[in-house]
C-alpha cells in the first residue's frame, strides 16, 4: 500500500516515480496510468496533485532544475581556483546525469521538443545559467593567461556543454557500459589542453 502522506510528500513521490519510469520505459511512452500503477494510486489521484500531464512534467523539470543548481553551487563552493571550478562544474553535471539517467532522454523527448513549451523553457533557462557559470570561470582563466584568449569564452562554454551532452548520449546508447563521470572528465582534460595558452604564443 502507498500509505498516508502529506500533499508535498505525495507530489515528491510522484515526481521521483516519473523520473524512474522515464528511464525505464522512455518519457514519450510514459503515461499517468503507469505512474499511478507504480505508486499504488488511482489515475484520478495523480490528477488531484497535478491537474494535467503537462503540469506534472513541469514539476519534474523544476525538480531537476533545483537539483542541478544545488550540484553547481556545491561544486563551486569546494573549488580553489577557476580551473578547479570549471572542472568541478563539469563533474557536477556529469554526476547529476549519472544519478538521474532519464535526463538525456527527457531532453530529446517529444514531450520537451514539441508538446510542452513550458518544459522546454525551463531547460533552456537552466542551460543558460550553467553556461554562464562556465563563462565566468573561463574568463578568469583567460585573464590569468592560462587559456587561449583568441577563443570567445561563450564558445568555450558551448564546447564544454556539448562535450557533456555528447558523452552522456554515448553513455546512454552504449547501455551505460562505462563510468560516465571519469570518462567525461578525461575528455574535459583533453579539451582544456587543446585550449591551453602556449608559452610564447601571441594572442590574435
C-alpha atoms as a PDB file:
ATOM      1  CA  UNK A   1       0.000   0.000   0.000  1.00  0.00           C
ATOM      2  CA  UNK A   2       1.119   3.535  -0.695  1.00  0.00           C
ATOM      3  CA  UNK A   3       0.347   4.762   2.860  1.00  0.00           C
ATOM      4  CA  UNK A   4      -0.699   8.186   4.103  1.00  0.00           C
ATOM      5  CA  UNK A   5       1.480  11.082   3.067  1.00  0.00           C
ATOM      6  CA  UNK A   6       1.208  14.857   3.040  1.00  0.00           C
ATOM      7  CA  UNK A   7       0.407  16.525  -0.279  1.00  0.00           C
ATOM      8  CA  UNK A   8       4.017  17.678  -0.692  1.00  0.00           C
ATOM      9  CA  UNK A   9       5.389  14.223   0.115  1.00  0.00           C
ATOM     10  CA  UNK A  10       2.992  12.658  -2.392  1.00  0.00           C
ATOM     11  CA  UNK A  11       3.979  15.162  -5.077  1.00  0.00           C
ATOM     12  CA  UNK A  12       7.663  14.418  -4.474  1.00  0.00           C
ATOM     13  CA  UNK A  13       6.939  10.688  -4.700  1.00  0.00           C
ATOM     14  CA  UNK A  14       5.086  11.119  -7.982  1.00  0.00           C
ATOM     15  CA  UNK A  15       7.896  13.223  -9.477  1.00  0.00           C
ATOM     16  CA  UNK A  16      10.512  10.658  -8.402  1.00  0.00           C
ATOM     17  CA  UNK A  17       8.449   7.875  -9.964  1.00  0.00           C
ATOM     18  CA  UNK A  18       8.145   9.790 -13.241  1.00  0.00           C
ATOM     19  CA  UNK A  19      11.940  10.083 -13.386  1.00  0.00           C
ATOM     20  CA  UNK A  20      12.384   6.385 -12.641  1.00  0.00           C
ATOM     21  CA  UNK A  21       9.811   5.293 -15.207  1.00  0.00           C
ATOM     22  CA  UNK A  22      11.066   7.766 -17.821  1.00  0.00           C
ATOM     23  CA  UNK A  23      14.390   5.979 -17.626  1.00  0.00           C
ATOM     24  CA  UNK A  24      12.792   2.532 -17.632  1.00  0.00           C
ATOM     25  CA  UNK A  25      10.243   2.888 -20.445  1.00  0.00           C
ATOM     26  CA  UNK A  26      11.038   6.274 -22.013  1.00  0.00           C
ATOM     27  CA  UNK A  27       9.458   9.699 -21.461  1.00  0.00           C
ATOM     28  CA  UNK A  28       7.374   9.569 -24.643  1.00  0.00           C
ATOM     29  CA  UNK A  29       5.771   6.228 -23.713  1.00  0.00           C
ATOM     30  CA  UNK A  30       5.134   7.181 -20.103  1.00  0.00           C
ATOM     31  CA  UNK A  31       1.512   7.711 -19.084  1.00  0.00           C
ATOM     32  CA  UNK A  32      -0.116   8.857 -15.867  1.00  0.00           C
ATOM     33  CA  UNK A  33      -1.616   5.366 -15.664  1.00  0.00           C
ATOM     34  CA  UNK A  34       1.907   3.933 -15.492  1.00  0.00           C
ATOM     35  CA  UNK A  35       2.801   6.344 -12.691  1.00  0.00           C
ATOM     36  CA  UNK A  36      -0.380   5.648 -10.729  1.00  0.00           C
ATOM     37  CA  UNK A  37       0.059   1.890 -11.032  1.00  0.00           C
ATOM     38  CA  UNK A  38       3.702   2.028  -9.893  1.00  0.00           C
ATOM     39  CA  UNK A  39       2.847   4.068  -6.798  1.00  0.00           C
ATOM     40  CA  UNK A  40      -0.371   2.244  -5.972  1.00  0.00           C
ATOM     41  CA  UNK A  41      -2.768   5.105  -6.631  1.00  0.00           C
ATOM     42  CA  UNK A  42      -5.694   5.625  -8.962  1.00  0.00           C
ATOM     43  CA  UNK A  43      -5.143   7.800 -12.027  1.00  0.00           C
ATOM     44  CA  UNK A  44      -7.578  10.478 -10.681  1.00  0.00           C
ATOM     45  CA  UNK A  45      -5.394  10.660  -7.561  1.00  0.00           C
ATOM     46  CA  UNK A  46      -2.441  11.731  -9.738  1.00  0.00           C
ATOM     47  CA  UNK A  47      -4.559  14.497 -11.248  1.00  0.00           C
ATOM     48  CA  UNK A  48      -5.560  15.750  -7.803  1.00  0.00           C
ATOM     49  CA  UNK A  49      -1.917  16.724  -7.338  1.00  0.00           C
ATOM     50  CA  UNK A  50      -1.139  17.668 -10.947  1.00  0.00           C
ATOM     51  CA  UNK A  51      -4.181  18.826 -12.962  1.00  0.00           C
ATOM     52  CA  UNK A  52      -2.607  17.971 -16.325  1.00  0.00           C
ATOM     53  CA  UNK A  53       0.189  15.799 -17.635  1.00  0.00           C
ATOM     54  CA  UNK A  54       1.942  18.999 -18.704  1.00  0.00           C
ATOM     55  CA  UNK A  55       1.840  20.269 -15.125  1.00  0.00           C
ATOM     56  CA  UNK A  56       3.349  17.001 -13.945  1.00  0.00           C
ATOM     57  CA  UNK A  57       6.225  17.286 -16.418  1.00  0.00           C
ATOM     58  CA  UNK A  58       6.776  20.905 -15.414  1.00  0.00           C
ATOM     59  CA  UNK A  59       7.135  19.781 -11.785  1.00  0.00           C
ATOM     60  CA  UNK A  60       9.648  17.170 -12.917  1.00  0.00           C
ATOM     61  CA  UNK A  61      11.635  19.849 -14.770  1.00  0.00           C
ATOM     62  CA  UNK A  62      11.617  22.146 -11.740  1.00  0.00           C
ATOM     63  CA  UNK A  63      12.803  19.284  -9.527  1.00  0.00           C
ATOM     64  CA  UNK A  64      15.679  18.618 -11.927  1.00  0.00           C
ATOM     65  CA  UNK A  65      16.495  22.336 -12.047  1.00  0.00           C
ATOM     66  CA  UNK A  66      16.636  22.605  -8.247  1.00  0.00           C
ATOM     67  CA  UNK A  67      18.827  19.519  -8.054  1.00  0.00           C
ATOM     68  CA  UNK A  68      21.244  20.710 -10.742  1.00  0.00           C
ATOM     69  CA  UNK A  69      21.646  24.156  -9.217  1.00  0.00           C
ATOM     70  CA  UNK A  70      22.423  22.563  -5.852  1.00  0.00           C
ATOM     71  CA  UNK A  71      25.088  20.440  -7.550  1.00  0.00           C
ATOM     72  CA  UNK A  72      26.601  23.503  -9.229  1.00  0.00           C
ATOM     73  CA  UNK A  73      26.645  25.575  -6.047  1.00  0.00           C
ATOM     74  CA  UNK A  74      28.357  22.777  -4.127  1.00  0.00           C
ATOM     75  CA  UNK A  75      30.898  22.290  -6.926  1.00  0.00           C
ATOM     76  CA  UNK A  76      31.841  25.965  -6.966  1.00  0.00           C
ATOM     77  CA  UNK A  77      31.961  26.206  -3.175  1.00  0.00           C
ATOM     78  CA  UNK A  78      34.553  23.431  -2.988  1.00  0.00           C
ATOM     79  CA  UNK A  79      36.831  24.739  -5.751  1.00  0.00           C
ATOM     80  CA  UNK A  80      40.010  26.724  -5.044  1.00  0.00           C
ATOM     81  CA  UNK A  81      40.531  28.393  -8.431  1.00  0.00           C
ATOM     82  CA  UNK A  82      38.924  28.920 -11.848  1.00  0.00           C
ATOM     83  CA  UNK A  83      40.272  25.718 -13.417  1.00  0.00           C
ATOM     84  CA  UNK A  84      39.156  23.638 -10.448  1.00  0.00           C
ATOM     85  CA  UNK A  85      35.787  25.418 -10.501  1.00  0.00           C
ATOM     86  CA  UNK A  86      35.327  24.751 -14.200  1.00  0.00           C
ATOM     87  CA  UNK A  87      36.210  21.069 -13.842  1.00  0.00           C
ATOM     88  CA  UNK A  88      34.016  20.737 -10.762  1.00  0.00           C
ATOM     89  CA  UNK A  89      31.050  22.194 -12.650  1.00  0.00           C
ATOM     90  CA  UNK A  90      31.513  19.709 -15.482  1.00  0.00           C
ATOM     91  CA  UNK A  91      31.900  16.895 -12.953  1.00  0.00           C
ATOM     92  CA  UNK A  92      28.748  18.011 -11.157  1.00  0.00           C
ATOM     93  CA  UNK A  93      26.758  17.976 -14.378  1.00  0.00           C
ATOM     94  CA  UNK A  94      28.029  14.506 -15.252  1.00  0.00           C
ATOM     95  CA  UNK A  95      27.247  13.265 -11.736  1.00  0.00           C
ATOM     96  CA  UNK A  96      23.714  14.614 -11.986  1.00  0.00           C
ATOM     97  CA  UNK A  97      23.175  12.762 -15.262  1.00  0.00           C
ATOM     98  CA  UNK A  98      24.661   9.590 -13.807  1.00  0.00           C
ATOM     99  CA  UNK A  99      22.278   9.799 -10.846  1.00  0.00           C
ATOM    100  CA  UNK A 100      19.272  10.836 -12.987  1.00  0.00           C
ATOM    101  CA  UNK A 101      19.803   8.743 -16.122  1.00  0.00           C
ATOM    102  CA  UNK A 102      16.441   9.717 -17.608  1.00  0.00           C
ATOM    103  CA  UNK A 103      17.732  13.257 -18.155  1.00  0.00           C
ATOM    104  CA  UNK A 104      19.226  12.786 -21.672  1.00  0.00           C
ATOM    105  CA  UNK A 105      16.054  11.027 -22.828  1.00  0.00           C
ATOM    106  CA  UNK A 106      13.872  13.813 -21.449  1.00  0.00           C
ATOM    107  CA  UNK A 107      15.948  16.473 -23.209  1.00  0.00           C
ATOM    108  CA  UNK A 108      15.360  14.825 -26.590  1.00  0.00           C
ATOM    109  CA  UNK A 109      11.792  13.706 -25.968  1.00  0.00           C
ATOM    110  CA  UNK A 110       8.743  14.772 -27.932  1.00  0.00           C
ATOM    111  CA  UNK A 111       7.283  15.952 -24.613  1.00  0.00           C
ATOM    112  CA  UNK A 112      10.011  18.584 -24.358  1.00  0.00           C
ATOM    113  CA  UNK A 113      10.611  19.366 -28.020  1.00  0.00           C
ATOM    114  CA  UNK A 114       7.025  19.507 -29.294  1.00  0.00           C
ATOM    115  CA  UNK A 115       4.288  19.026 -26.724  1.00  0.00           C
ATOM    116  CA  UNK A 116       5.345  21.149 -23.757  1.00  0.00           C
ATOM    117  CA  UNK A 117       6.864  24.603 -24.446  1.00  0.00           C
ATOM    118  CA  UNK A 118       6.943  25.412 -20.708  1.00  0.00           C
ATOM    119  CA  UNK A 119       9.097  22.343 -20.076  1.00  0.00           C
ATOM    120  CA  UNK A 120      11.449  23.349 -22.880  1.00  0.00           C
ATOM    121  CA  UNK A 121      11.729  26.857 -21.465  1.00  0.00           C
ATOM    122  CA  UNK A 122      12.773  25.555 -18.031  1.00  0.00           C
ATOM    123  CA  UNK A 123      15.619  23.569 -19.582  1.00  0.00           C
ATOM    124  CA  UNK A 124      16.597  26.412 -21.931  1.00  0.00           C
ATOM    125  CA  UNK A 125      16.998  28.780 -18.986  1.00  0.00           C
ATOM    126  CA  UNK A 126      18.813  26.118 -16.990  1.00  0.00           C
ATOM    127  CA  UNK A 127      21.330  25.641 -19.792  1.00  0.00           C
ATOM    128  CA  UNK A 128      21.862  29.395 -19.911  1.00  0.00           C
ATOM    129  CA  UNK A 129      22.589  29.527 -16.178  1.00  0.00           C
ATOM    130  CA  UNK A 130      25.047  26.645 -16.429  1.00  0.00           C
ATOM    131  CA  UNK A 131      26.858  28.183 -19.385  1.00  0.00           C
ATOM    132  CA  UNK A 132      27.019  31.499 -17.526  1.00  0.00           C
ATOM    133  CA  UNK A 133      28.840  29.816 -14.650  1.00  0.00           C
ATOM    134  CA  UNK A 134      31.248  28.218 -17.105  1.00  0.00           C
ATOM    135  CA  UNK A 135      31.882  31.518 -18.889  1.00  0.00           C
ATOM    136  CA  UNK A 136      32.796  33.247 -15.611  1.00  0.00           C
ATOM    137  CA  UNK A 137      35.493  30.654 -14.874  1.00  0.00           C
ATOM    138  CA  UNK A 138      36.720  30.657 -18.480  1.00  0.00           C
ATOM    139  CA  UNK A 139      37.172  34.438 -18.436  1.00  0.00           C
ATOM    140  CA  UNK A 140      39.231  34.183 -15.253  1.00  0.00           C
ATOM    141  CA  UNK A 141      41.457  31.557 -16.869  1.00  0.00           C
ATOM    142  CA  UNK A 142      41.946  33.748 -19.940  1.00  0.00           C
ATOM    143  CA  UNK A 143      42.692  36.823 -17.836  1.00  0.00           C
ATOM    144  CA  UNK A 144      45.357  34.855 -15.934  1.00  0.00           C
ATOM    145  CA  UNK A 145      46.946  33.696 -19.197  1.00  0.00           C
ATOM    146  CA  UNK A 146      46.101  30.032 -18.670  1.00  0.00           C
ATOM    147  CA  UNK A 147      43.673  29.741 -21.569  1.00  0.00           C
ATOM    148  CA  UNK A 148      43.837  30.975 -25.145  1.00  0.00           C
ATOM    149  CA  UNK A 149      42.412  34.462 -25.471  1.00  0.00           C
ATOM    150  CA  UNK A 150      41.640  34.154 -29.191  1.00  0.00           C
ATOM    151  CA  UNK A 151      38.600  31.974 -28.442  1.00  0.00           C
ATOM    152  CA  UNK A 152      35.365  33.577 -27.283  1.00  0.00           C
ATOM    153  CA  UNK A 153      34.514  32.447 -23.715  1.00  0.00           C
ATOM    154  CA  UNK A 154      30.915  31.718 -24.685  1.00  0.00           C
ATOM    155  CA  UNK A 155      32.171  29.417 -27.456  1.00  0.00           C
ATOM    156  CA  UNK A 156      34.350  27.530 -24.978  1.00  0.00           C
ATOM    157  CA  UNK A 157      31.309  27.115 -22.731  1.00  0.00           C
ATOM    158  CA  UNK A 158      29.330  25.718 -25.671  1.00  0.00           C
ATOM    159  CA  UNK A 159      32.156  23.279 -26.428  1.00  0.00           C
ATOM    160  CA  UNK A 160      32.153  22.071 -22.823  1.00  0.00           C
ATOM    161  CA  UNK A 161      28.378  21.692 -22.566  1.00  0.00           C
ATOM    162  CA  UNK A 162      28.432  19.854 -25.909  1.00  0.00           C
ATOM    163  CA  UNK A 163      31.125  17.587 -24.505  1.00  0.00           C
ATOM    164  CA  UNK A 164      28.859  16.729 -21.555  1.00  0.00           C
ATOM    165  CA  UNK A 165      25.877  16.118 -23.820  1.00  0.00           C
ATOM    166  CA  UNK A 166      27.915  14.040 -26.249  1.00  0.00           C
ATOM    167  CA  UNK A 167      29.440  11.735 -23.664  1.00  0.00           C
ATOM    168  CA  UNK A 168      26.011  11.382 -21.986  1.00  0.00           C
ATOM    169  CA  UNK A 169      24.446  10.288 -25.268  1.00  0.00           C
ATOM    170  CA  UNK A 170      27.293   7.837 -25.889  1.00  0.00           C
ATOM    171  CA  UNK A 171      26.843   6.501 -22.354  1.00  0.00           C
ATOM    172  CA  UNK A 172      23.104   6.057 -22.927  1.00  0.00           C
ATOM    173  CA  UNK A 173      23.461   4.399 -26.340  1.00  0.00           C
ATOM    174  CA  UNK A 174      26.222   2.166 -25.010  1.00  0.00           C
ATOM    175  CA  UNK A 175      23.942   0.707 -22.324  1.00  0.00           C
ATOM    176  CA  UNK A 176      25.962   2.638 -19.701  1.00  0.00           C
ATOM    177  CA  UNK A 177      28.888   0.353 -20.266  1.00  0.00           C
ATOM    178  CA  UNK A 178      31.461   2.806 -18.930  1.00  0.00           C
ATOM    179  CA  UNK A 179      31.733   5.137 -15.947  1.00  0.00           C
ATOM    180  CA  UNK A 180      30.233   8.423 -17.112  1.00  0.00           C
ATOM    181  CA  UNK A 181      31.950  10.851 -14.739  1.00  0.00           C
ATOM    182  CA  UNK A 182      35.574   9.662 -15.195  1.00  0.00           C
ATOM    183  CA  UNK A 183      35.156   9.457 -18.967  1.00  0.00           C
ATOM    184  CA  UNK A 184      33.635  12.911 -19.165  1.00  0.00           C
ATOM    185  CA  UNK A 185      36.368  14.427 -17.004  1.00  0.00           C
ATOM    186  CA  UNK A 186      39.038  12.700 -19.083  1.00  0.00           C
ATOM    187  CA  UNK A 187      37.628  14.349 -22.204  1.00  0.00           C
ATOM    188  CA  UNK A 188      37.376  17.657 -20.330  1.00  0.00           C
ATOM    189  CA  UNK A 189      41.134  17.455 -19.666  1.00  0.00           C
ATOM    190  CA  UNK A 190      41.751  16.762 -23.364  1.00  0.00           C
ATOM    191  CA  UNK A 191      39.615  19.728 -24.375  1.00  0.00           C
ATOM    192  CA  UNK A 192      41.319  22.061 -21.902  1.00  0.00           C
ATOM    193  CA  UNK A 193      44.763  21.002 -23.069  1.00  0.00           C
ATOM    194  CA  UNK A 194      43.773  21.930 -26.616  1.00  0.00           C
ATOM    195  CA  UNK A 195      42.640  25.350 -25.391  1.00  0.00           C
ATOM    196  CA  UNK A 196      45.559  25.970 -23.059  1.00  0.00           C
ATOM    197  CA  UNK A 197      47.650  29.058 -23.772  1.00  0.00           C
ATOM    198  CA  UNK A 198      51.046  28.004 -25.117  1.00  0.00           C
ATOM    199  CA  UNK A 199      54.187  29.697 -23.855  1.00  0.00           C
ATOM    200  CA  UNK A 200      55.394  32.286 -26.319  1.00  0.00           C
ATOM    201  CA  UNK A 201      52.147  32.249 -28.292  1.00  0.00           C
ATOM    202  CA  UNK A 202      50.687  35.604 -29.293  1.00  0.00           C
ATOM    203  CA  UNK A 203      47.034  36.448 -28.880  1.00  0.00           C
ATOM    204  CA  UNK A 204      45.148  37.014 -32.079  1.00  0.00           C
END
